[in-house]
PDB file of N, CA and C in Angstrom:
ATOM      1  N   UNK A   1      11.349 -19.870  -2.745  1.00  0.00           N
ATOM      2  CA  UNK A   1      12.327 -19.223  -1.818  1.00  0.00           C
ATOM      3  C   UNK A   1      12.036 -19.550  -0.993  1.00  0.00           C
ATOM      4  N   UNK A   2      12.450 -20.712   0.254  1.00  0.00           N
ATOM      5  CA  UNK A   2      12.112 -20.481   1.724  1.00  0.00           C
ATOM      6  C   UNK A   2      13.047 -19.375   2.580  1.00  0.00           C
ATOM      7  N   UNK A   3      12.720 -18.877   3.371  1.00  0.00           N
ATOM      8  CA  UNK A   3      13.894 -18.129   4.497  1.00  0.00           C
ATOM      9  C   UNK A   3      12.988 -18.571   5.835  1.00  0.00           C
ATOM     10  N   UNK A   4      13.747 -18.614   6.630  1.00  0.00           N
ATOM     11  CA  UNK A   4      13.824 -18.609   8.131  1.00  0.00           C
ATOM     12  C   UNK A   4      15.264 -18.066   9.120  1.00  0.00           C
ATOM     13  N   UNK A   5      14.863 -17.237  10.098  1.00  0.00           N
ATOM     14  CA  UNK A   5      15.726 -16.965  11.226  1.00  0.00           C
ATOM     15  C   UNK A   5      15.932 -17.713  12.429  1.00  0.00           C
ATOM     16  N   UNK A   6      16.796 -17.953  13.001  1.00  0.00           N
ATOM     17  CA  UNK A   6      16.625 -18.068  14.346  1.00  0.00           C
ATOM     18  C   UNK A   6      17.370 -17.225  15.219  1.00  0.00           C
ATOM     19  N   UNK A   7      17.640 -17.423  16.218  1.00  0.00           N
ATOM     20  CA  UNK A   7      18.000 -16.668  17.145  1.00  0.00           C
ATOM     21  C   UNK A   7      18.927 -15.943  16.986  1.00  0.00           C
ATOM     22  N   UNK A   8      20.172 -16.967  16.032  1.00  0.00           N
ATOM     23  CA  UNK A   8      21.486 -16.864  15.799  1.00  0.00           C
ATOM     24  C   UNK A   8      21.936 -16.790  14.708  1.00  0.00           C
ATOM     25  N   UNK A   9      21.200 -16.701  13.255  1.00  0.00           N
ATOM     26  CA  UNK A   9      21.049 -17.256  11.991  1.00  0.00           C
ATOM     27  C   UNK A   9      19.838 -16.567  11.360  1.00  0.00           C
ATOM     28  N   UNK A  10      20.400 -16.465   9.924  1.00  0.00           N
ATOM     29  CA  UNK A  10      19.356 -16.496   8.435  1.00  0.00           C
ATOM     30  C   UNK A  10      19.999 -17.482   7.976  1.00  0.00           C
ATOM     31  N   UNK A  11      18.454 -18.112   7.250  1.00  0.00           N
ATOM     32  CA  UNK A  11      18.773 -18.939   6.251  1.00  0.00           C
ATOM     33  C   UNK A  11      18.146 -19.073   4.957  1.00  0.00           C
ATOM     34  N   UNK A  12      18.613 -19.304   3.520  1.00  0.00           N
ATOM     35  CA  UNK A  12      17.493 -19.628   2.756  1.00  0.00           C
ATOM     36  C   UNK A  12      17.621 -20.900   2.121  1.00  0.00           C
ATOM     37  N   UNK A  13      16.305 -21.564   1.093  1.00  0.00           N
ATOM     38  CA  UNK A  13      16.943 -22.403  -0.063  1.00  0.00           C
ATOM     39  C   UNK A  13      16.158 -21.956  -0.471  1.00  0.00           C
ATOM     40  N   UNK A  14      16.427 -21.918  -2.227  1.00  0.00           N
ATOM     41  CA  UNK A  14      15.796 -21.714  -3.421  1.00  0.00           C
ATOM     42  C   UNK A  14      15.395 -23.105  -4.532  1.00  0.00           C
ATOM     43  N   UNK A  15      14.220 -23.289  -4.152  1.00  0.00           N
ATOM     44  CA  UNK A  15      14.014 -24.080  -5.355  1.00  0.00           C
ATOM     45  C   UNK A  15      13.719 -23.835  -6.603  1.00  0.00           C
ATOM     46  N   UNK A  16      13.220 -24.892  -7.396  1.00  0.00           N
ATOM     47  CA  UNK A  16      12.174 -24.691  -8.920  1.00  0.00           C
ATOM     48  C   UNK A  16      11.254 -26.059  -8.712  1.00  0.00           C
ATOM     49  N   UNK A  17      10.009 -25.252  -9.538  1.00  0.00           N
ATOM     50  CA  UNK A  17       8.816 -26.403  -9.344  1.00  0.00           C
ATOM     51  C   UNK A  17       8.968 -27.222 -10.280  1.00  0.00           C
ATOM     52  N   UNK A  18       9.377 -28.390 -11.014  1.00  0.00           N
ATOM     53  CA  UNK A  18       9.492 -29.651 -12.052  1.00  0.00           C
ATOM     54  C   UNK A  18       8.055 -30.332 -11.995  1.00  0.00           C
ATOM     55  N   UNK A  19       7.776 -29.867 -13.978  1.00  0.00           N
ATOM     56  CA  UNK A  19       6.077 -30.730 -13.902  1.00  0.00           C
ATOM     57  C   UNK A  19       5.050 -30.316 -13.190  1.00  0.00           C
ATOM     58  N   UNK A  20       5.560 -28.910 -12.875  1.00  0.00           N
ATOM     59  CA  UNK A  20       4.084 -28.437 -11.745  1.00  0.00           C
ATOM     60  C   UNK A  20       3.778 -29.150 -10.469  1.00  0.00           C
ATOM     61  N   UNK A  21       4.764 -29.903 -10.020  1.00  0.00           N
ATOM     62  CA  UNK A  21       4.409 -30.310  -8.975  1.00  0.00           C
ATOM     63  C   UNK A  21       5.576 -30.929  -7.831  1.00  0.00           C
ATOM     64  N   UNK A  22       6.720 -31.170  -8.467  1.00  0.00           N
ATOM     65  CA  UNK A  22       7.798 -31.588  -8.085  1.00  0.00           C
ATOM     66  C   UNK A  22       8.687 -30.088  -7.378  1.00  0.00           C
ATOM     67  N   UNK A  23       9.057 -29.952  -6.508  1.00  0.00           N
ATOM     68  CA  UNK A  23      10.201 -28.835  -5.962  1.00  0.00           C
ATOM     69  C   UNK A  23      11.012 -29.553  -5.818  1.00  0.00           C
ATOM     70  N   UNK A  24      12.323 -29.088  -6.595  1.00  0.00           N
ATOM     71  CA  UNK A  24      13.754 -29.521  -6.267  1.00  0.00           C
ATOM     72  C   UNK A  24      14.728 -28.579  -6.037  1.00  0.00           C
ATOM     73  N   UNK A  25      15.695 -28.571  -5.073  1.00  0.00           N
ATOM     74  CA  UNK A  25      16.351 -27.456  -4.457  1.00  0.00           C
ATOM     75  C   UNK A  25      17.203 -27.169  -5.685  1.00  0.00           C
ATOM     76  N   UNK A  26      17.787 -25.928  -5.707  1.00  0.00           N
ATOM     77  CA  UNK A  26      18.488 -25.229  -6.453  1.00  0.00           C
ATOM     78  C   UNK A  26      19.594 -24.693  -5.551  1.00  0.00           C
ATOM     79  N   UNK A  27      19.645 -24.002  -4.309  1.00  0.00           N
ATOM     80  CA  UNK A  27      20.768 -23.459  -3.645  1.00  0.00           C
ATOM     81  C   UNK A  27      19.677 -23.476  -2.578  1.00  0.00           C
ATOM     82  N   UNK A  28      21.458 -23.273  -1.810  1.00  0.00           N
ATOM     83  CA  UNK A  28      20.961 -23.133   0.156  1.00  0.00           C
ATOM     84  C   UNK A  28      22.073 -22.184   0.465  1.00  0.00           C
ATOM     85  N   UNK A  29      21.625 -21.607   1.234  1.00  0.00           N
ATOM     86  CA  UNK A  29      22.417 -20.179   2.230  1.00  0.00           C
ATOM     87  C   UNK A  29      22.431 -19.983   3.376  1.00  0.00           C
ATOM     88  N   UNK A  30      23.065 -20.022   4.409  1.00  0.00           N
ATOM     89  CA  UNK A  30      22.944 -19.063   5.673  1.00  0.00           C
ATOM     90  C   UNK A  30      24.066 -18.193   5.671  1.00  0.00           C
ATOM     91  N   UNK A  31      23.766 -17.774   7.122  1.00  0.00           N
ATOM     92  CA  UNK A  31      25.050 -16.585   7.779  1.00  0.00           C
ATOM     93  C   UNK A  31      24.507 -16.639   9.514  1.00  0.00           C
ATOM     94  N   UNK A  32      25.584 -16.299  10.148  1.00  0.00           N
ATOM     95  CA  UNK A  32      25.202 -16.089  11.331  1.00  0.00           C
ATOM     96  C   UNK A  32      25.214 -14.379  11.003  1.00  0.00           C
ATOM     97  N   UNK A  33      24.324 -14.347  12.671  1.00  0.00           N
ATOM     98  CA  UNK A  33      24.166 -13.197  12.774  1.00  0.00           C
ATOM     99  C   UNK A  33      25.165 -12.148  13.439  1.00  0.00           C
ATOM    100  N   UNK A  34      25.468 -10.853  13.548  1.00  0.00           N
ATOM    101  CA  UNK A  34      26.263 -10.356  13.784  1.00  0.00           C
ATOM    102  C   UNK A  34      25.918  -9.971  15.643  1.00  0.00           C
ATOM    103  N   UNK A  35      26.894  -9.263  16.081  1.00  0.00           N
ATOM    104  CA  UNK A  35      26.646  -8.799  17.923  1.00  0.00           C
ATOM    105  C   UNK A  35      25.651  -8.064  17.569  1.00  0.00           C
ATOM    106  N   UNK A  36      25.358  -6.811  16.951  1.00  0.00           N
ATOM    107  CA  UNK A  36      24.105  -6.194  17.327  1.00  0.00           C
ATOM    108  C   UNK A  36      22.907  -6.673  16.227  1.00  0.00           C
ATOM    109  N   UNK A  37      23.050  -7.720  15.355  1.00  0.00           N
ATOM    110  CA  UNK A  37      22.232  -7.973  14.840  1.00  0.00           C
ATOM    111  C   UNK A  37      21.411  -9.041  15.812  1.00  0.00           C
ATOM    112  N   UNK A  38      21.837  -9.734  16.797  1.00  0.00           N
ATOM    113  CA  UNK A  38      21.696 -11.071  17.162  1.00  0.00           C
ATOM    114  C   UNK A  38      20.200 -10.366  18.500  1.00  0.00           C
ATOM    115  N   UNK A  39      21.124  -8.772  18.882  1.00  0.00           N
ATOM    116  CA  UNK A  39      19.613  -8.617  19.625  1.00  0.00           C
ATOM    117  C   UNK A  39      18.586  -7.671  18.853  1.00  0.00           C
ATOM    118  N   UNK A  40      17.957  -8.049  17.759  1.00  0.00           N
ATOM    119  CA  UNK A  40      16.905  -7.926  16.938  1.00  0.00           C
ATOM    120  C   UNK A  40      16.027  -8.263  17.299  1.00  0.00           C
ATOM    121  N   UNK A  41      14.588  -7.959  17.191  1.00  0.00           N
ATOM    122  CA  UNK A  41      13.019  -8.800  17.402  1.00  0.00           C
ATOM    123  C   UNK A  41      13.056  -9.755  16.372  1.00  0.00           C
ATOM    124  N   UNK A  42      12.268 -10.440  16.476  1.00  0.00           N
ATOM    125  CA  UNK A  42      12.480 -11.988  15.778  1.00  0.00           C
ATOM    126  C   UNK A  42      11.538 -11.233  14.252  1.00  0.00           C
ATOM    127  N   UNK A  43      11.091 -10.461  14.536  1.00  0.00           N
ATOM    128  CA  UNK A  43      10.479  -9.573  13.190  1.00  0.00           C
ATOM    129  C   UNK A  43      11.332  -9.374  12.337  1.00  0.00           C
ATOM    130  N   UNK A  44      12.133  -8.817  13.173  1.00  0.00           N
ATOM    131  CA  UNK A  44      13.134  -7.818  12.220  1.00  0.00           C
ATOM    132  C   UNK A  44      14.114  -8.909  11.400  1.00  0.00           C
ATOM    133  N   UNK A  45      14.456  -9.933  12.453  1.00  0.00           N
ATOM    134  CA  UNK A  45      15.025 -10.921  11.671  1.00  0.00           C
ATOM    135  C   UNK A  45      14.543 -11.458  10.617  1.00  0.00           C
ATOM    136  N   UNK A  46      13.131 -12.069  10.786  1.00  0.00           N
ATOM    137  CA  UNK A  46      12.425 -12.570   9.556  1.00  0.00           C
ATOM    138  C   UNK A  46      12.600 -11.940   8.372  1.00  0.00           C
ATOM    139  N   UNK A  47      12.827 -10.563   8.556  1.00  0.00           N
ATOM    140  CA  UNK A  47      12.449  -9.758   7.654  1.00  0.00           C
ATOM    141  C   UNK A  47      13.900  -9.496   6.907  1.00  0.00           C
ATOM    142  N   UNK A  48      14.785  -9.087   7.530  1.00  0.00           N
ATOM    143  CA  UNK A  48      16.721  -9.493   7.222  1.00  0.00           C
ATOM    144  C   UNK A  48      16.394 -10.458   6.730  1.00  0.00           C
ATOM    145  N   UNK A  49      15.994 -11.781   6.586  1.00  0.00           N
ATOM    146  CA  UNK A  49      16.385 -12.858   6.297  1.00  0.00           C
ATOM    147  C   UNK A  49      16.045 -12.821   4.734  1.00  0.00           C
ATOM    148  N   UNK A  50      14.277 -12.206   4.484  1.00  0.00           N
ATOM    149  CA  UNK A  50      14.355 -12.438   2.985  1.00  0.00           C
ATOM    150  C   UNK A  50      15.460 -11.370   2.692  1.00  0.00           C
ATOM    151  N   UNK A  51      15.209 -10.499   3.098  1.00  0.00           N
ATOM    152  CA  UNK A  51      16.269  -9.243   1.911  1.00  0.00           C
ATOM    153  C   UNK A  51      17.692  -9.760   1.567  1.00  0.00           C
ATOM    154  N   UNK A  52      18.426 -10.665   2.791  1.00  0.00           N
ATOM    155  CA  UNK A  52      19.610 -10.932   2.775  1.00  0.00           C
ATOM    156  C   UNK A  52      19.510 -12.071   1.636  1.00  0.00           C
ATOM    157  N   UNK A  53      18.689 -12.806   1.699  1.00  0.00           N
ATOM    158  CA  UNK A  53      18.230 -13.735   0.826  1.00  0.00           C
ATOM    159  C   UNK A  53      18.439 -13.564  -0.825  1.00  0.00           C
ATOM    160  N   UNK A  54      17.292 -12.393  -1.101  1.00  0.00           N
ATOM    161  CA  UNK A  54      16.929 -11.970  -2.138  1.00  0.00           C
ATOM    162  C   UNK A  54      18.387 -11.621  -2.820  1.00  0.00           C
ATOM    163  N   UNK A  55      19.314 -10.760  -2.080  1.00  0.00           N
ATOM    164  CA  UNK A  55      20.420  -9.969  -2.629  1.00  0.00           C
ATOM    165  C   UNK A  55      21.322 -11.237  -2.740  1.00  0.00           C
ATOM    166  N   UNK A  56      21.077 -12.518  -1.889  1.00  0.00           N
ATOM    167  CA  UNK A  56      22.301 -14.183  -1.988  1.00  0.00           C
ATOM    168  C   UNK A  56      21.972 -14.027  -3.482  1.00  0.00           C
ATOM    169  N   UNK A  57      20.584 -14.272  -4.068  1.00  0.00           N
ATOM    170  CA  UNK A  57      20.455 -15.126  -4.879  1.00  0.00           C
ATOM    171  C   UNK A  57      19.730 -13.908  -6.246  1.00  0.00           C
ATOM    172  N   UNK A  58      20.371 -13.164  -6.157  1.00  0.00           N
ATOM    173  CA  UNK A  58      20.172 -12.156  -6.682  1.00  0.00           C
ATOM    174  C   UNK A  58      20.051 -12.477  -8.634  1.00  0.00           C
ATOM    175  N   UNK A  59      21.370 -13.287  -8.469  1.00  0.00           N
ATOM    176  CA  UNK A  59      21.692 -13.716 -10.180  1.00  0.00           C
ATOM    177  C   UNK A  59      20.659 -14.699 -10.468  1.00  0.00           C
ATOM    178  N   UNK A  60      20.116 -15.299  -9.414  1.00  0.00           N
ATOM    179  CA  UNK A  60      19.069 -16.548 -10.075  1.00  0.00           C
ATOM    180  C   UNK A  60      18.124 -15.980 -10.277  1.00  0.00           C
ATOM    181  N   UNK A  61      17.525 -15.050  -9.404  1.00  0.00           N
ATOM    182  CA  UNK A  61      15.801 -14.456  -8.927  1.00  0.00           C
ATOM    183  C   UNK A  61      15.367 -13.354 -10.013  1.00  0.00           C
ATOM    184  N   UNK A  62      16.649 -12.183 -10.524  1.00  0.00           N
ATOM    185  CA  UNK A  62      16.277 -11.573 -10.868  1.00  0.00           C
ATOM    186  C   UNK A  62      15.286 -11.450 -12.031  1.00  0.00           C
ATOM    187  N   UNK A  63      14.446 -10.400 -12.235  1.00  0.00           N
ATOM    188  CA  UNK A  63      13.406 -11.110 -13.605  1.00  0.00           C
ATOM    189  C   UNK A  63      12.689 -12.495 -13.811  1.00  0.00           C
ATOM    190  N   UNK A  64      12.550 -12.779 -12.470  1.00  0.00           N
ATOM    191  CA  UNK A  64      11.842 -13.995 -12.298  1.00  0.00           C
ATOM    192  C   UNK A  64      10.562 -13.797 -11.284  1.00  0.00           C
ATOM    193  N   UNK A  65       9.607 -14.300 -11.882  1.00  0.00           N
ATOM    194  CA  UNK A  65       8.222 -14.833 -10.973  1.00  0.00           C
ATOM    195  C   UNK A  65       8.528 -15.461  -9.587  1.00  0.00           C
ATOM    196  N   UNK A  66       8.604 -15.521  -8.559  1.00  0.00           N
ATOM    197  CA  UNK A  66       8.612 -16.431  -7.994  1.00  0.00           C
ATOM    198  C   UNK A  66       8.350 -15.525  -6.235  1.00  0.00           C
ATOM    199  N   UNK A  67       7.761 -17.081  -5.453  1.00  0.00           N
ATOM    200  CA  UNK A  67       7.285 -17.170  -4.180  1.00  0.00           C
ATOM    201  C   UNK A  67       7.861 -16.941  -3.096  1.00  0.00           C
ATOM    202  N   UNK A  68       8.287 -16.134  -2.237  1.00  0.00           N
ATOM    203  CA  UNK A  68       8.778 -16.474  -0.674  1.00  0.00           C
ATOM    204  C   UNK A  68       8.493 -16.879   0.154  1.00  0.00           C
ATOM    205  N   UNK A  69       8.394 -17.955   1.082  1.00  0.00           N
ATOM    206  CA  UNK A  69       7.810 -18.463   2.083  1.00  0.00           C
ATOM    207  C   UNK A  69       8.689 -18.504   3.290  1.00  0.00           C
ATOM    208  N   UNK A  70       7.635 -18.108   4.411  1.00  0.00           N
ATOM    209  CA  UNK A  70       8.551 -17.848   5.805  1.00  0.00           C
ATOM    210  C   UNK A  70       7.160 -18.120   6.583  1.00  0.00           C
ATOM    211  N   UNK A  71       8.042 -18.563   7.505  1.00  0.00           N
ATOM    212  CA  UNK A  71       7.149 -19.394   8.549  1.00  0.00           C
ATOM    213  C   UNK A  71       6.675 -18.041  10.027  1.00  0.00           C
ATOM    214  N   UNK A  72       6.734 -16.648   9.590  1.00  0.00           N
ATOM    215  CA  UNK A  72       6.496 -16.108  10.444  1.00  0.00           C
ATOM    216  C   UNK A  72       5.415 -15.160   9.876  1.00  0.00           C
ATOM    217  N   UNK A  73       4.466 -15.205  10.386  1.00  0.00           N
ATOM    218  CA  UNK A  73       2.977 -14.747  10.089  1.00  0.00           C
ATOM    219  C   UNK A  73       3.183 -13.030  10.128  1.00  0.00           C
ATOM    220  N   UNK A  74       3.613 -12.526  11.630  1.00  0.00           N
ATOM    221  CA  UNK A  74       3.543 -11.017  11.716  1.00  0.00           C
ATOM    222  C   UNK A  74       4.097 -10.601  10.516  1.00  0.00           C
ATOM    223  N   UNK A  75       5.315 -10.900   9.552  1.00  0.00           N
ATOM    224  CA  UNK A  75       5.658 -10.150   8.565  1.00  0.00           C
ATOM    225  C   UNK A  75       4.841  -9.155   7.765  1.00  0.00           C
ATOM    226  N   UNK A  76       3.238 -10.119   8.056  1.00  0.00           N
ATOM    227  CA  UNK A  76       2.470  -9.415   6.718  1.00  0.00           C
ATOM    228  C   UNK A  76       2.012  -8.335   7.452  1.00  0.00           C
ATOM    229  N   UNK A  77       2.203  -7.862   8.663  1.00  0.00           N
ATOM    230  CA  UNK A  77       2.004  -6.713   9.246  1.00  0.00           C
ATOM    231  C   UNK A  77       2.711  -5.324   8.552  1.00  0.00           C
ATOM    232  N   UNK A  78       4.215  -5.970   8.345  1.00  0.00           N
ATOM    233  CA  UNK A  78       4.690  -4.897   7.676  1.00  0.00           C
ATOM    234  C   UNK A  78       3.896  -4.435   6.370  1.00  0.00           C
ATOM    235  N   UNK A  79       3.165  -5.369   5.758  1.00  0.00           N
ATOM    236  CA  UNK A  79       3.089  -5.149   4.387  1.00  0.00           C
ATOM    237  C   UNK A  79       1.486  -4.776   4.230  1.00  0.00           C
ATOM    238  N   UNK A  80       0.789  -4.720   5.247  1.00  0.00           N
ATOM    239  CA  UNK A  80      -0.212  -4.111   5.262  1.00  0.00           C
ATOM    240  C   UNK A  80      -0.519  -2.923   6.139  1.00  0.00           C
ATOM    241  N   UNK A  81       0.488  -2.643   6.887  1.00  0.00           N
ATOM    242  CA  UNK A  81      -0.246  -1.471   7.904  1.00  0.00           C
ATOM    243  C   UNK A  81       1.374  -0.484   7.811  1.00  0.00           C
ATOM    244  N   UNK A  82       1.213   0.829   8.126  1.00  0.00           N
ATOM    245  CA  UNK A  82       2.346   1.675   8.176  1.00  0.00           C
ATOM    246  C   UNK A  82       2.851   1.271   9.887  1.00  0.00           C
ATOM    247  N   UNK A  83       4.370   0.628   9.986  1.00  0.00           N
ATOM    248  CA  UNK A  83       4.910   0.218  10.865  1.00  0.00           C
ATOM    249  C   UNK A  83       5.739   1.680  11.505  1.00  0.00           C
ATOM    250  N   UNK A  84       5.789   1.613  13.164  1.00  0.00           N
ATOM    251  CA  UNK A  84       6.287   2.567  13.622  1.00  0.00           C
ATOM    252  C   UNK A  84       7.798   2.609  14.008  1.00  0.00           C
ATOM    253  N   UNK A  85       8.550   1.241  13.187  1.00  0.00           N
ATOM    254  CA  UNK A  85       9.989   0.886  13.721  1.00  0.00           C
ATOM    255  C   UNK A  85      10.302   1.971  12.161  1.00  0.00           C
ATOM    256  N   UNK A  86      11.200   2.032  12.875  1.00  0.00           N
ATOM    257  CA  UNK A  86      12.597   3.210  10.947  1.00  0.00           C
ATOM    258  C   UNK A  86      12.701   1.423  10.328  1.00  0.00           C
ATOM    259  N   UNK A  87      13.605   0.729  11.509  1.00  0.00           N
ATOM    260  CA  UNK A  87      14.116  -0.692  10.760  1.00  0.00           C
ATOM    261  C   UNK A  87      13.232  -1.599   9.426  1.00  0.00           C
ATOM    262  N   UNK A  88      11.783  -1.334  10.313  1.00  0.00           N
ATOM    263  CA  UNK A  88      10.590  -2.442   9.378  1.00  0.00           C
ATOM    264  C   UNK A  88      10.289  -1.596   8.391  1.00  0.00           C
ATOM    265  N   UNK A  89      10.198  -0.309   8.761  1.00  0.00           N
ATOM    266  CA  UNK A  89       9.856   0.477   7.401  1.00  0.00           C
ATOM    267  C   UNK A  89      10.713   0.675   6.477  1.00  0.00           C
ATOM    268  N   UNK A  90      11.830   0.206   6.462  1.00  0.00           N
ATOM    269  CA  UNK A  90      13.237   0.436   5.709  1.00  0.00           C
ATOM    270  C   UNK A  90      13.274  -0.805   4.958  1.00  0.00           C
ATOM    271  N   UNK A  91      13.076  -1.920   5.866  1.00  0.00           N
ATOM    272  CA  UNK A  91      12.856  -3.466   5.563  1.00  0.00           C
ATOM    273  C   UNK A  91      11.138  -3.707   4.560  1.00  0.00           C
ATOM    274  N   UNK A  92      10.401  -2.768   4.635  1.00  0.00           N
ATOM    275  CA  UNK A  92       9.112  -3.101   3.853  1.00  0.00           C
ATOM    276  C   UNK A  92       9.427  -2.138   2.787  1.00  0.00           C
ATOM    277  N   UNK A  93      10.123  -0.945   2.839  1.00  0.00           N
ATOM    278  CA  UNK A  93      10.307  -0.219   1.269  1.00  0.00           C
ATOM    279  C   UNK A  93      11.332  -0.916   0.789  1.00  0.00           C
ATOM    280  N   UNK A  94      12.451  -2.096   0.867  1.00  0.00           N
ATOM    281  CA  UNK A  94      13.047  -2.396   0.217  1.00  0.00           C
ATOM    282  C   UNK A  94      12.786  -3.716  -0.582  1.00  0.00           C
ATOM    283  N   UNK A  95      11.444  -4.493   0.222  1.00  0.00           N
ATOM    284  CA  UNK A  95      10.867  -5.564  -0.680  1.00  0.00           C
ATOM    285  C   UNK A  95       9.758  -5.179  -1.595  1.00  0.00           C
TER     286      UNK A  95
END
């Protein structure tokens, strides 16, 4: 699953690897961010895009082993250390 967030929207693409090397698309989704979401920091938007995509594709990915790809390296921060932001802590626990 590939996820991304911009200043005004989140998006995700779900793919499946065939023959061990070629990834084929299975589903695409996007959503515009609401008024309050537009004010979030980019790390919060990127974390939200992953959680939103997992909920959106729940029926497909539930119980499956998969990898999430995103282009925001600071997201590893919420995985590796205790965050001071309550919102990021909730996102981390959700993941």
